[in-house]
Amino acid sequence: MTDADWRACNNPDVMLEFLEGRVSDRKLRLFACACCFRIGHLLTDRLCQQAVEAALRFADREAGIEELTSAYAAAEHAKPLFTDGNWAAVSAAGPKAIQAASDAAAHAALSVAAMESRAAKAAAYAAVCTGAPEESRSSAWAHCDATAAEARAAEQALQAELLREIVGNPFDPPEPLAACAYTIVQLAEAMYAGEDCAFALHDALLEAGDERLAEHFRAPEHPRGCWAMDLILSKDR
């Protein structure tokens, strides 16, 4: 993979394969959790939801391996028989970080594809049940497959952006920061905890003369583990 490939890639699997051994398990685990948060409305089983929560705490060293293992086992037992969003949640708590990241992203994309193609799938089944001509049935199933493939590709592209947001660019890593002003660190800590203060952080960085980082925080939403937040907070890569 090259710098240009990294910037343009829309397939998180390809990116994760390149990243193995190059980034921390924490980054990989946070990406797995972020993929699950994107489909939070599809996580319907409480034990599976708890698996994501445990994975998040484990990534931030707020939970030990015992809690992670226990949450994973409980969610694995509770997940439905067929692939859905809950499978992504279980995967996020898996024992190996790189596999957790890959599987959570894959199951999340598949669950989005299933949801987005639901109407097309119902129409295809209706064509079969009503005895529609073969050409109509084939066309209906082709439309269903195309709708699912398009939705899956779109979700994967968003996941790739999410991975770039968390990891940054391994071909152009930022220089470590000198000690940041207390206000900047305080805002970054609040944002890491989930508070909506990106614009305030942008303004504080701009006032401190760091236009590059300030520009990054023009966007309102940043996942936990965002490379710029980690840089300010001196967290691992």
Protein backbone atom coordinates (compact mmCIF):
# COMPACT_ATOMS: atom_id res chain seq x y z
CA MET A 1 0.00 0.00 0.00
CA THR A 2 1.16 3.54 -0.80
CA ASP A 3 0.24 6.91 0.63
CA ALA A 4 -2.16 7.47 -2.29
CA ASP A 5 -3.70 4.02 -1.76
CA TRP A 6 -4.26 4.75 1.93
CA ARG A 7 -5.98 8.05 1.24
CA ALA A 8 -8.25 6.59 -1.46
CA CYS A 9 -9.01 3.10 -0.12
CA ASN A 10 -12.68 2.29 0.51
CA ASN A 11 -12.12 -1.21 1.85
CA PRO A 12 -11.37 -1.46 5.59
CA ASP A 13 -10.23 -5.07 5.20
CA VAL A 14 -7.37 -4.01 2.91
CA MET A 15 -6.44 -1.19 5.29
CA LEU A 16 -6.54 -3.45 8.36
CA GLU A 17 -4.35 -6.02 6.66
CA PHE A 18 -1.78 -3.29 6.08
CA LEU A 19 -2.11 -1.96 9.64
CA GLU A 20 -1.52 -5.28 11.42
CA GLY A 21 1.58 -4.83 13.55
CA ARG A 22 1.72 -1.11 12.75
CA VAL A 23 -0.83 0.29 15.20
CA SER A 24 -1.79 -0.48 18.77
CA ASP A 25 -4.45 -2.99 19.77
CA ARG A 26 -6.21 -0.03 21.39
CA LYS A 27 -6.67 1.69 18.04
CA LEU A 28 -7.98 -1.50 16.45
CA ARG A 29 -10.40 -2.15 19.31
CA LEU A 30 -11.69 1.43 19.21
CA PHE A 31 -12.30 1.07 15.48
CA ALA A 32 -14.30 -2.11 16.11
CA CYS A 33 -16.40 -0.24 18.69
CA ALA A 34 -16.86 2.74 16.36
CA CYS A 35 -18.22 0.45 13.63
CA CYS A 36 -20.76 -0.84 16.16
CA PHE A 37 -21.74 2.66 17.27
CA ARG A 38 -22.51 3.49 13.64
CA ILE A 39 -25.20 0.79 13.69
CA GLY A 40 -26.33 1.29 17.27
CA HIS A 41 -29.99 1.13 16.23
CA LEU A 42 -29.40 -2.43 15.00
CA LEU A 43 -27.88 -3.69 18.26
CA THR A 44 -30.98 -5.15 19.85
CA ASP A 45 -29.58 -7.66 22.37
CA ARG A 46 -28.53 -6.19 25.71
CA LEU A 47 -25.73 -8.72 26.24
CA CYS A 48 -24.33 -7.84 22.82
CA GLN A 49 -24.56 -4.14 23.66
CA GLN A 50 -22.67 -4.87 26.87
CA ALA A 51 -19.94 -6.60 24.85
CA VAL A 52 -19.27 -3.33 22.97
CA GLU A 53 -19.24 -1.41 26.23
CA ALA A 54 -16.75 -3.88 27.72
CA ALA A 55 -14.57 -3.65 24.59
CA LEU A 56 -14.54 0.13 24.87
CA ARG A 57 -13.55 0.04 28.53
CA PHE A 58 -10.90 -2.59 27.81
CA ALA A 59 -9.40 -0.44 25.04
CA ASP A 60 -9.13 2.45 27.51
CA ARG A 61 -7.73 0.20 30.25
CA GLU A 62 -10.80 0.71 32.40
CA ALA A 63 -11.60 -3.01 32.32
CA GLY A 64 -9.43 -6.10 32.52
CA ILE A 65 -9.21 -9.16 30.30
CA GLU A 66 -11.56 -11.07 32.61
CA GLU A 67 -14.40 -8.59 32.03
CA LEU A 68 -13.78 -8.61 28.28
CA THR A 69 -13.70 -12.40 28.11
CA SER A 70 -16.84 -12.72 30.20
CA ALA A 71 -18.75 -10.17 28.12
CA TYR A 72 -17.64 -11.86 24.90
CA ALA A 73 -18.75 -15.31 26.10
CA ALA A 74 -22.15 -14.02 27.23
CA ALA A 75 -22.76 -12.15 23.96
CA GLU A 76 -21.57 -15.09 21.87
CA HIS A 77 -24.17 -17.25 23.60
CA ALA A 78 -26.91 -14.62 23.23
CA LYS A 79 -26.41 -13.57 19.61
CA PRO A 80 -29.08 -14.60 17.07
CA LEU A 81 -28.65 -17.58 14.78
CA PHE A 82 -28.30 -15.52 11.62
CA THR A 83 -25.91 -12.64 10.96
CA ASP A 84 -27.17 -9.23 12.04
CA GLY A 85 -25.87 -6.14 13.81
CA ASN A 86 -25.52 -8.02 17.09
CA TRP A 87 -22.79 -10.15 15.52
CA ALA A 88 -20.72 -6.99 15.02
CA ALA A 89 -21.12 -6.21 18.72
CA VAL A 90 -19.93 -9.68 19.72
CA SER A 91 -16.94 -9.38 17.40
CA ALA A 92 -15.84 -6.10 18.99
CA ALA A 93 -15.13 -7.98 22.22
CA GLY A 94 -13.25 -10.80 20.51
CA PRO A 95 -9.94 -11.94 22.01
CA LYS A 96 -7.66 -10.66 19.23
CA ALA A 97 -7.84 -6.95 18.40
CA ILE A 98 -7.09 -7.19 14.68
CA GLN A 99 -9.73 -9.89 14.23
CA ALA A 100 -12.19 -7.90 16.33
CA ALA A 101 -11.71 -4.91 14.06
CA SER A 102 -12.08 -6.90 10.83
CA ASP A 103 -15.08 -8.95 11.96
CA ALA A 104 -16.95 -6.05 13.56
CA ALA A 105 -16.58 -3.99 10.40
CA ALA A 106 -17.66 -6.88 8.17
CA HIS A 107 -20.74 -7.78 10.21
CA ALA A 108 -21.74 -4.14 10.56
CA ALA A 109 -21.57 -3.64 6.79
CA LEU A 110 -23.54 -6.83 6.18
CA SER A 111 -26.24 -5.78 8.64
CA VAL A 112 -26.60 -2.41 6.89
CA ALA A 113 -26.84 -4.19 3.53
CA ALA A 114 -29.56 -6.49 4.87
CA MET A 115 -31.57 -3.59 6.25
CA GLU A 116 -31.27 -1.46 3.12
CA SER A 117 -32.23 -4.33 0.80
CA ARG A 118 -35.18 -5.52 2.91
CA ALA A 119 -37.84 -4.01 0.63
CA ALA A 120 -36.15 -5.34 -2.50
CA LYS A 121 -35.90 -8.80 -0.93
CA ALA A 122 -39.60 -8.74 -0.02
CA ALA A 123 -40.43 -7.80 -3.62
CA ALA A 124 -38.32 -10.68 -4.92
CA TYR A 125 -40.05 -13.15 -2.61
CA ALA A 126 -43.41 -11.75 -3.72
CA ALA A 127 -42.46 -12.33 -7.35
CA VAL A 128 -41.73 -15.96 -6.54
CA CYS A 129 -44.87 -16.50 -4.45
CA THR A 130 -47.19 -14.95 -7.03
CA GLY A 131 -45.79 -17.02 -9.86
CA ALA A 132 -44.33 -14.11 -11.79
CA PRO A 133 -42.51 -14.95 -15.04
CA GLU A 134 -38.94 -16.19 -14.74
CA GLU A 135 -37.57 -12.96 -16.21
CA SER A 136 -39.41 -10.91 -13.58
CA ARG A 137 -38.22 -13.15 -10.76
CA SER A 138 -34.63 -12.99 -11.95
CA SER A 139 -34.83 -9.23 -12.30
CA ALA A 140 -36.25 -8.85 -8.79
CA TRP A 141 -33.47 -10.94 -7.24
CA ALA A 142 -30.83 -9.11 -9.25
CA HIS A 143 -32.20 -5.81 -7.95
CA CYS A 144 -32.12 -7.17 -4.39
CA ASP A 145 -28.49 -8.28 -4.76
CA ALA A 146 -27.47 -4.97 -6.33
CA THR A 147 -29.18 -2.98 -3.57
CA ALA A 148 -27.43 -5.00 -0.88
CA ALA A 149 -24.04 -4.74 -2.60
CA GLU A 150 -24.40 -0.98 -2.99
CA ALA A 151 -25.38 -0.50 0.66
CA ARG A 152 -22.52 -2.71 1.86
CA ALA A 153 -19.98 -0.83 -0.27
CA ALA A 154 -21.28 2.51 0.99
CA GLU A 155 -20.95 1.40 4.62
CA GLN A 156 -17.46 0.05 3.99
CA ALA A 157 -16.45 3.40 2.49
CA LEU A 158 -17.68 5.15 5.64
CA GLN A 159 -15.80 2.64 7.78
CA ALA A 160 -12.63 3.38 5.80
CA GLU A 161 -13.05 7.07 6.61
CA LEU A 162 -13.59 6.14 10.24
CA LEU A 163 -10.39 4.09 10.26
CA ARG A 164 -8.43 7.00 8.76
CA GLU A 165 -9.90 9.27 11.43
CA ILE A 166 -8.75 6.94 14.21
CA VAL A 167 -5.37 5.90 12.83
CA GLY A 168 -4.41 8.99 10.88
CA ASN A 169 -2.04 8.51 7.96
CA PRO A 170 0.71 5.97 8.68
CA PHE A 171 2.65 7.39 5.73
CA ASP A 172 2.59 10.89 7.19
CA PRO A 173 2.52 10.59 10.99
CA PRO A 174 2.25 13.86 12.93
CA GLU A 175 5.10 15.12 15.04
CA PRO A 176 4.56 14.85 18.80
CA LEU A 177 3.20 18.05 20.27
CA ALA A 178 4.93 20.21 22.77
CA ALA A 179 2.98 20.65 25.98
CA CYS A 180 -0.48 21.94 25.11
CA ALA A 181 -2.26 24.67 27.00
CA TYR A 182 -4.40 23.40 29.86
CA THR A 183 -7.59 24.62 28.16
CA ILE A 184 -6.80 22.61 25.03
CA VAL A 185 -6.10 19.43 27.00
CA GLN A 186 -9.25 19.95 29.07
CA LEU A 187 -11.39 20.34 25.94
CA ALA A 188 -9.81 17.29 24.32
CA GLU A 189 -10.49 15.23 27.46
CA ALA A 190 -14.11 16.38 27.46
CA MET A 191 -14.48 15.54 23.80
CA TYR A 192 -12.89 12.12 24.35
CA ALA A 193 -15.52 11.51 27.03
CA GLY A 194 -18.25 12.27 24.50
CA GLU A 195 -18.99 15.94 25.00
CA ASP A 196 -19.82 18.12 21.99
CA CYS A 197 -16.97 20.63 22.05
CA ALA A 198 -15.18 20.27 18.71
CA PHE A 199 -15.76 23.89 17.76
CA ALA A 200 -14.46 25.13 21.11
CA LEU A 201 -11.38 22.96 20.65
CA HIS A 202 -10.97 24.34 17.12
CA ASP A 203 -11.03 27.89 18.44
CA ALA A 204 -8.61 27.13 21.27
CA LEU A 205 -6.13 25.51 18.88
CA LEU A 206 -6.44 28.40 16.45
CA GLU A 207 -5.78 30.86 19.24
CA ALA A 208 -2.71 28.82 20.21
CA GLY A 209 -1.42 29.08 16.64
CA ASP A 210 -1.88 25.43 15.62
CA GLU A 211 -3.83 25.92 12.39
CA ARG A 212 -3.31 22.32 11.19
CA LEU A 213 -4.95 20.69 14.22
CA ALA A 214 -7.54 23.46 14.42
CA GLU A 215 -8.63 22.67 10.87
CA HIS A 216 -9.15 19.04 11.81
CA PHE A 217 -11.67 20.02 14.46
CA ARG A 218 -13.83 22.04 12.09
CA ALA A 219 -15.76 18.78 11.70
CA PRO A 220 -18.20 18.37 14.61
CA GLU A 221 -17.91 14.60 15.19
CA HIS A 222 -14.82 12.58 16.03
CA PRO A 223 -14.70 8.98 17.27
CA ARG A 224 -12.94 8.00 20.45
CA GLY A 225 -9.35 7.38 19.45
CA CYS A 226 -9.33 10.14 16.82
CA TRP A 227 -5.65 10.63 15.95
CA ALA A 228 -5.76 14.38 16.65
CA MET A 229 -7.37 13.94 20.07
CA ASP A 230 -4.85 11.23 20.89
CA LEU A 231 -2.04 13.55 19.84
CA ILE A 232 -3.22 16.27 22.22
CA LEU A 233 -3.76 13.77 25.04
CA SER A 234 -0.48 11.89 24.39
CA LYS A 235 -2.28 8.58 23.99
CA ASP A 236 -0.69 5.66 22.17
CA ARG A 237 -0.91 5.09 18.45
